[in-house]
Amino acid sequence: MDCKIQLILAFWIPENFSTERRDLLMKNGKFVSIVFLVSVLFFLQKTLASTEMNGLVVENNQVKIIENQRLIIEGNIIIKPNGTLIIKNSDITLNSHYKNQYWILINSGGLF
């Protein structure tokens, strides 16, 4: 999944600032803006990165741990008997095209 984000930074300096102060802010402002922009882009890359899947099946006696992820699942999530699905600090989206297209199905003995 490609993600393009456009970020526009504006820098406003009050009119009552002295010329020396304005010059100092402009010099420092450029540096701060660059550091801020790099920080934002790094954060967005980490948080917007996602994985797309065609369904998720946890087999018998399997333990599946999903941690610190953003998943887009186009299909059912199925937990078979004695299977365990653990989700920690993650965002999971069932990408349905119409109501009740996909389900989370937990068989007897499965844990979610």
N, C-alpha and C. Protein backbone atom coordinates (compact mmCIF):
# COMPACT_ATOMS: atom_id res chain seq x y z
N MET A 1 0.84 -1.17 0.00
CA MET A 1 0.00 0.00 0.00
C MET A 1 0.88 1.24 0.00
N ASP A 2 0.78 2.06 -1.04
CA ASP A 2 1.53 3.29 -1.12
C ASP A 2 0.73 4.41 -0.47
N CYS A 3 1.40 5.22 0.29
CA CYS A 3 0.73 6.32 0.98
C CYS A 3 1.49 7.59 0.68
N LYS A 4 0.83 8.56 0.07
CA LYS A 4 1.45 9.84 -0.21
C LYS A 4 0.76 10.90 0.63
N ILE A 5 1.54 11.63 1.38
CA ILE A 5 0.99 12.65 2.26
C ILE A 5 1.67 13.97 1.94
N GLN A 6 0.88 14.99 1.79
CA GLN A 6 1.42 16.31 1.52
C GLN A 6 1.28 17.14 2.79
N LEU A 7 2.37 17.71 3.23
CA LEU A 7 2.37 18.49 4.46
C LEU A 7 2.86 19.89 4.13
N ILE A 8 2.09 20.89 4.51
CA ILE A 8 2.45 22.28 4.27
C ILE A 8 2.70 22.94 5.61
N LEU A 9 3.88 23.53 5.76
CA LEU A 9 4.23 24.23 6.99
C LEU A 9 4.20 25.73 6.74
N ALA A 10 3.59 26.45 7.63
CA ALA A 10 3.56 27.91 7.53
C ALA A 10 4.29 28.46 8.74
N PHE A 11 5.03 29.53 8.53
CA PHE A 11 5.77 30.14 9.62
C PHE A 11 5.36 31.60 9.68
N TRP A 12 4.74 32.01 10.77
CA TRP A 12 4.25 33.36 10.94
C TRP A 12 5.06 34.08 11.99
N ILE A 13 5.49 35.32 11.68
CA ILE A 13 6.25 36.12 12.62
C ILE A 13 5.48 37.40 12.87
N PRO A 14 5.17 37.70 14.12
CA PRO A 14 4.45 38.93 14.43
C PRO A 14 5.19 40.17 13.93
N GLU A 15 4.45 41.21 13.55
CA GLU A 15 5.03 42.43 13.01
C GLU A 15 5.86 43.20 14.04
N ASN A 16 5.54 43.08 15.33
CA ASN A 16 6.25 43.86 16.33
C ASN A 16 7.60 43.26 16.73
N PHE A 17 8.03 42.18 16.11
CA PHE A 17 9.34 41.60 16.41
C PHE A 17 10.43 42.46 15.76
N SER A 18 11.56 42.56 16.44
CA SER A 18 12.68 43.31 15.88
C SER A 18 13.26 42.54 14.69
N THR A 19 14.02 43.27 13.86
CA THR A 19 14.63 42.64 12.69
C THR A 19 15.58 41.52 13.10
N GLU A 20 16.36 41.77 14.16
CA GLU A 20 17.29 40.75 14.64
C GLU A 20 16.54 39.50 15.08
N ARG A 21 15.44 39.71 15.78
CA ARG A 21 14.66 38.58 16.27
C ARG A 21 14.02 37.82 15.11
N ARG A 22 13.53 38.56 14.11
CA ARG A 22 12.96 37.91 12.92
C ARG A 22 14.01 37.06 12.20
N ASP A 23 15.20 37.64 12.02
CA ASP A 23 16.27 36.90 11.35
C ASP A 23 16.62 35.62 12.11
N LEU A 24 16.71 35.74 13.43
CA LEU A 24 17.01 34.58 14.25
C LEU A 24 15.92 33.51 14.13
N LEU A 25 14.66 33.94 14.16
CA LEU A 25 13.56 32.98 14.03
C LEU A 25 13.55 32.32 12.66
N MET A 26 13.83 33.09 11.62
CA MET A 26 13.84 32.51 10.27
C MET A 26 14.94 31.47 10.14
N LYS A 27 16.12 31.77 10.66
CA LYS A 27 17.22 30.80 10.59
C LYS A 27 16.86 29.55 11.40
N ASN A 28 16.43 29.76 12.64
CA ASN A 28 16.07 28.63 13.50
C ASN A 28 14.79 27.98 13.01
N GLY A 29 13.89 28.76 12.47
CA GLY A 29 12.61 28.23 11.98
C GLY A 29 12.79 27.21 10.87
N LYS A 30 13.74 27.49 9.97
CA LYS A 30 14.01 26.53 8.89
C LYS A 30 14.50 25.21 9.46
N PHE A 31 15.42 25.30 10.43
CA PHE A 31 15.93 24.09 11.05
C PHE A 31 14.82 23.34 11.78
N VAL A 32 14.03 24.05 12.56
CA VAL A 32 12.93 23.43 13.31
C VAL A 32 11.93 22.80 12.35
N SER A 33 11.62 23.51 11.25
CA SER A 33 10.66 22.97 10.27
C SER A 33 11.17 21.68 9.65
N ILE A 34 12.45 21.64 9.33
CA ILE A 34 13.02 20.43 8.72
C ILE A 34 12.98 19.27 9.72
N VAL A 35 13.39 19.54 10.97
CA VAL A 35 13.37 18.50 12.00
C VAL A 35 11.94 18.02 12.22
N PHE A 36 10.99 18.95 12.28
CA PHE A 36 9.59 18.61 12.47
C PHE A 36 9.08 17.76 11.31
N LEU A 37 9.39 18.16 10.09
CA LEU A 37 8.93 17.44 8.91
C LEU A 37 9.48 16.01 8.88
N VAL A 38 10.77 15.85 9.16
CA VAL A 38 11.37 14.52 9.19
C VAL A 38 10.73 13.67 10.27
N SER A 39 10.48 14.26 11.44
CA SER A 39 9.85 13.53 12.55
C SER A 39 8.45 13.07 12.16
N VAL A 40 7.67 13.96 11.55
CA VAL A 40 6.31 13.62 11.15
C VAL A 40 6.32 12.51 10.11
N LEU A 41 7.17 12.62 9.12
CA LEU A 41 7.22 11.60 8.07
C LEU A 41 7.65 10.25 8.64
N PHE A 42 8.60 10.23 9.55
CA PHE A 42 9.02 8.98 10.19
C PHE A 42 7.87 8.38 10.97
N PHE A 43 7.15 9.21 11.75
CA PHE A 43 6.02 8.74 12.53
C PHE A 43 4.92 8.19 11.63
N LEU A 44 4.59 8.90 10.54
CA LEU A 44 3.54 8.45 9.64
C LEU A 44 3.92 7.15 8.95
N GLN A 45 5.19 7.01 8.60
CA GLN A 45 5.63 5.77 7.97
C GLN A 45 5.42 4.60 8.91
N LYS A 46 5.74 4.79 10.19
CA LYS A 46 5.58 3.73 11.17
C LYS A 46 4.11 3.41 11.42
N THR A 47 3.27 4.45 11.53
CA THR A 47 1.89 4.22 11.92
C THR A 47 0.99 3.85 10.75
N LEU A 48 1.32 4.30 9.54
CA LEU A 48 0.45 4.02 8.41
C LEU A 48 0.82 2.75 7.67
N ALA A 49 1.96 2.18 7.96
CA ALA A 49 2.33 0.95 7.30
C ALA A 49 1.32 -0.14 7.67
N SER A 50 0.80 -0.81 6.67
CA SER A 50 -0.18 -1.84 6.95
C SER A 50 0.06 -3.04 6.05
N THR A 51 -0.53 -4.15 6.45
CA THR A 51 -0.41 -5.38 5.69
C THR A 51 -1.80 -5.79 5.24
N GLU A 52 -1.92 -6.16 3.98
CA GLU A 52 -3.20 -6.64 3.46
C GLU A 52 -3.16 -8.15 3.37
N MET A 53 -4.27 -8.80 3.80
CA MET A 53 -4.34 -10.26 3.80
C MET A 53 -5.67 -10.70 3.20
N ASN A 54 -5.68 -11.89 2.64
CA ASN A 54 -6.91 -12.51 2.13
C ASN A 54 -7.41 -13.53 3.15
N GLY A 55 -7.94 -13.05 4.26
CA GLY A 55 -8.44 -13.94 5.31
C GLY A 55 -7.33 -14.34 6.26
N LEU A 56 -7.75 -14.82 7.43
CA LEU A 56 -6.81 -15.26 8.45
C LEU A 56 -7.37 -16.51 9.10
N VAL A 57 -6.59 -17.58 9.11
CA VAL A 57 -7.02 -18.83 9.72
C VAL A 57 -6.00 -19.23 10.77
N VAL A 58 -6.50 -19.46 11.99
CA VAL A 58 -5.66 -19.99 13.07
C VAL A 58 -6.01 -21.48 13.16
N GLU A 59 -5.04 -22.32 12.85
CA GLU A 59 -5.26 -23.77 12.79
C GLU A 59 -5.40 -24.40 14.18
N ASN A 60 -5.79 -25.68 14.21
CA ASN A 60 -5.90 -26.44 15.45
C ASN A 60 -4.59 -26.38 16.23
N ASN A 61 -4.69 -26.13 17.54
CA ASN A 61 -3.55 -26.11 18.45
C ASN A 61 -2.48 -25.07 18.09
N GLN A 62 -2.83 -24.10 17.27
CA GLN A 62 -1.89 -23.03 16.90
C GLN A 62 -2.17 -21.80 17.76
N VAL A 63 -1.11 -21.10 18.15
CA VAL A 63 -1.25 -19.82 18.83
C VAL A 63 -0.68 -18.76 17.89
N LYS A 64 -1.52 -17.83 17.49
CA LYS A 64 -1.10 -16.75 16.59
C LYS A 64 -1.17 -15.44 17.36
N ILE A 65 -0.06 -14.70 17.39
CA ILE A 65 0.00 -13.42 18.09
C ILE A 65 0.20 -12.31 17.06
N ILE A 66 -0.71 -11.35 17.08
CA ILE A 66 -0.60 -10.17 16.23
C ILE A 66 -0.31 -9.00 17.17
N GLU A 67 0.85 -8.38 17.00
CA GLU A 67 1.25 -7.32 17.92
C GLU A 67 1.82 -6.14 17.16
N ASN A 68 1.35 -4.93 17.52
CA ASN A 68 1.82 -3.68 16.94
C ASN A 68 1.73 -3.68 15.41
N GLN A 69 0.58 -4.09 14.89
CA GLN A 69 0.39 -4.15 13.44
C GLN A 69 -0.90 -3.46 13.05
N ARG A 70 -0.97 -3.10 11.79
CA ARG A 70 -2.21 -2.61 11.19
C ARG A 70 -2.51 -3.54 10.02
N LEU A 71 -3.57 -4.35 10.19
CA LEU A 71 -3.92 -5.33 9.17
C LEU A 71 -5.22 -4.95 8.48
N ILE A 72 -5.24 -5.13 7.19
CA ILE A 72 -6.47 -5.00 6.41
C ILE A 72 -6.74 -6.39 5.86
N ILE A 73 -7.83 -7.00 6.34
CA ILE A 73 -8.13 -8.38 5.97
C ILE A 73 -9.36 -8.39 5.08
N GLU A 74 -9.21 -8.93 3.91
CA GLU A 74 -10.33 -9.09 2.98
C GLU A 74 -10.69 -10.57 2.96
N GLY A 75 -11.46 -10.98 3.96
CA GLY A 75 -11.85 -12.37 4.12
C GLY A 75 -12.22 -12.62 5.58
N ASN A 76 -12.58 -13.84 5.88
CA ASN A 76 -12.97 -14.21 7.24
C ASN A 76 -11.75 -14.39 8.15
N ILE A 77 -11.97 -14.19 9.44
CA ILE A 77 -11.01 -14.60 10.46
C ILE A 77 -11.60 -15.85 11.09
N ILE A 78 -10.89 -16.97 10.98
CA ILE A 78 -11.39 -18.25 11.48
C ILE A 78 -10.41 -18.79 12.51
N ILE A 79 -10.94 -19.10 13.69
CA ILE A 79 -10.13 -19.72 14.73
C ILE A 79 -10.67 -21.14 14.92
N LYS A 80 -9.86 -22.14 14.54
CA LYS A 80 -10.28 -23.54 14.60
C LYS A 80 -10.19 -24.06 16.03
N PRO A 81 -10.76 -25.26 16.30
CA PRO A 81 -10.75 -25.80 17.66
C PRO A 81 -9.34 -25.81 18.26
N ASN A 82 -9.26 -25.37 19.51
CA ASN A 82 -8.01 -25.30 20.26
C ASN A 82 -6.99 -24.31 19.67
N GLY A 83 -7.42 -23.49 18.72
CA GLY A 83 -6.57 -22.43 18.20
C GLY A 83 -6.73 -21.18 19.05
N THR A 84 -5.69 -20.36 19.12
CA THR A 84 -5.73 -19.14 19.92
C THR A 84 -5.21 -17.97 19.10
N LEU A 85 -6.00 -16.90 19.06
CA LEU A 85 -5.59 -15.66 18.39
C LEU A 85 -5.49 -14.57 19.45
N ILE A 86 -4.28 -14.01 19.58
CA ILE A 86 -4.03 -12.94 20.55
C ILE A 86 -3.67 -11.68 19.76
N ILE A 87 -4.40 -10.60 20.04
CA ILE A 87 -4.16 -9.33 19.37
C ILE A 87 -3.75 -8.30 20.41
N LYS A 88 -2.58 -7.70 20.23
CA LYS A 88 -2.06 -6.71 21.17
C LYS A 88 -1.71 -5.43 20.41
N ASN A 89 -2.27 -4.32 20.88
CA ASN A 89 -1.91 -3.00 20.35
C ASN A 89 -1.92 -2.97 18.83
N SER A 90 -2.99 -3.45 18.21
CA SER A 90 -3.07 -3.54 16.76
C SER A 90 -4.42 -3.04 16.27
N ASP A 91 -4.48 -2.73 14.99
CA ASP A 91 -5.70 -2.27 14.35
C ASP A 91 -6.01 -3.24 13.22
N ILE A 92 -7.17 -3.90 13.30
CA ILE A 92 -7.55 -4.87 12.28
C ILE A 92 -8.84 -4.40 11.62
N THR A 93 -8.83 -4.35 10.31
CA THR A 93 -10.01 -3.94 9.54
C THR A 93 -10.43 -5.10 8.65
N LEU A 94 -11.72 -5.51 8.77
CA LEU A 94 -12.28 -6.47 7.82
C LEU A 94 -12.82 -5.64 6.67
N ASN A 95 -12.19 -5.74 5.54
CA ASN A 95 -12.51 -4.90 4.39
C ASN A 95 -13.65 -5.51 3.58
N SER A 96 -14.87 -5.32 4.04
CA SER A 96 -16.05 -5.88 3.38
C SER A 96 -16.53 -4.95 2.27
N HIS A 97 -17.13 -5.53 1.26
CA HIS A 97 -17.71 -4.75 0.17
C HIS A 97 -19.21 -4.57 0.37
N TYR A 98 -19.78 -5.35 1.25
CA TYR A 98 -21.19 -5.21 1.61
C TYR A 98 -21.38 -5.77 3.02
N LYS A 99 -22.51 -5.43 3.66
CA LYS A 99 -22.78 -5.81 5.04
C LYS A 99 -22.75 -7.33 5.22
N ASN A 100 -22.08 -7.77 6.29
CA ASN A 100 -21.98 -9.19 6.67
C ASN A 100 -21.28 -10.07 5.64
N GLN A 101 -20.40 -9.48 4.84
CA GLN A 101 -19.67 -10.28 3.87
C GLN A 101 -18.64 -11.18 4.56
N TYR A 102 -17.92 -10.63 5.53
CA TYR A 102 -16.89 -11.38 6.23
C TYR A 102 -17.23 -11.46 7.72
N TRP A 103 -16.73 -12.51 8.37
CA TRP A 103 -17.06 -12.78 9.76
C TRP A 103 -15.81 -13.16 10.54
N ILE A 104 -15.94 -13.06 11.85
CA ILE A 104 -14.94 -13.65 12.76
C ILE A 104 -15.61 -14.90 13.32
N LEU A 105 -15.10 -16.06 12.93
CA LEU A 105 -15.69 -17.34 13.33
C LEU A 105 -14.76 -18.04 14.31
N ILE A 106 -15.29 -18.31 15.51
CA ILE A 106 -14.50 -18.98 16.55
C ILE A 106 -15.14 -20.34 16.82
N ASN A 107 -14.45 -21.40 16.43
CA ASN A 107 -14.96 -22.75 16.64
C ASN A 107 -14.87 -23.13 18.12
N SER A 108 -15.64 -24.14 18.51
CA SER A 108 -15.65 -24.62 19.89
C SER A 108 -14.23 -24.96 20.34
N GLY A 109 -13.84 -24.41 21.46
CA GLY A 109 -12.49 -24.65 21.98
C GLY A 109 -11.48 -23.62 21.51
N GLY A 110 -11.85 -22.78 20.55
CA GLY A 110 -10.95 -21.72 20.08
C GLY A 110 -11.00 -20.52 21.01
N LEU A 111 -9.91 -19.79 21.08
CA LEU A 111 -9.83 -18.62 21.95
C LEU A 111 -9.48 -17.38 21.14
N PHE A 112 -10.16 -16.28 21.47
CA PHE A 112 -9.93 -15.01 20.79
C PHE A 112 -9.67 -13.96 21.83
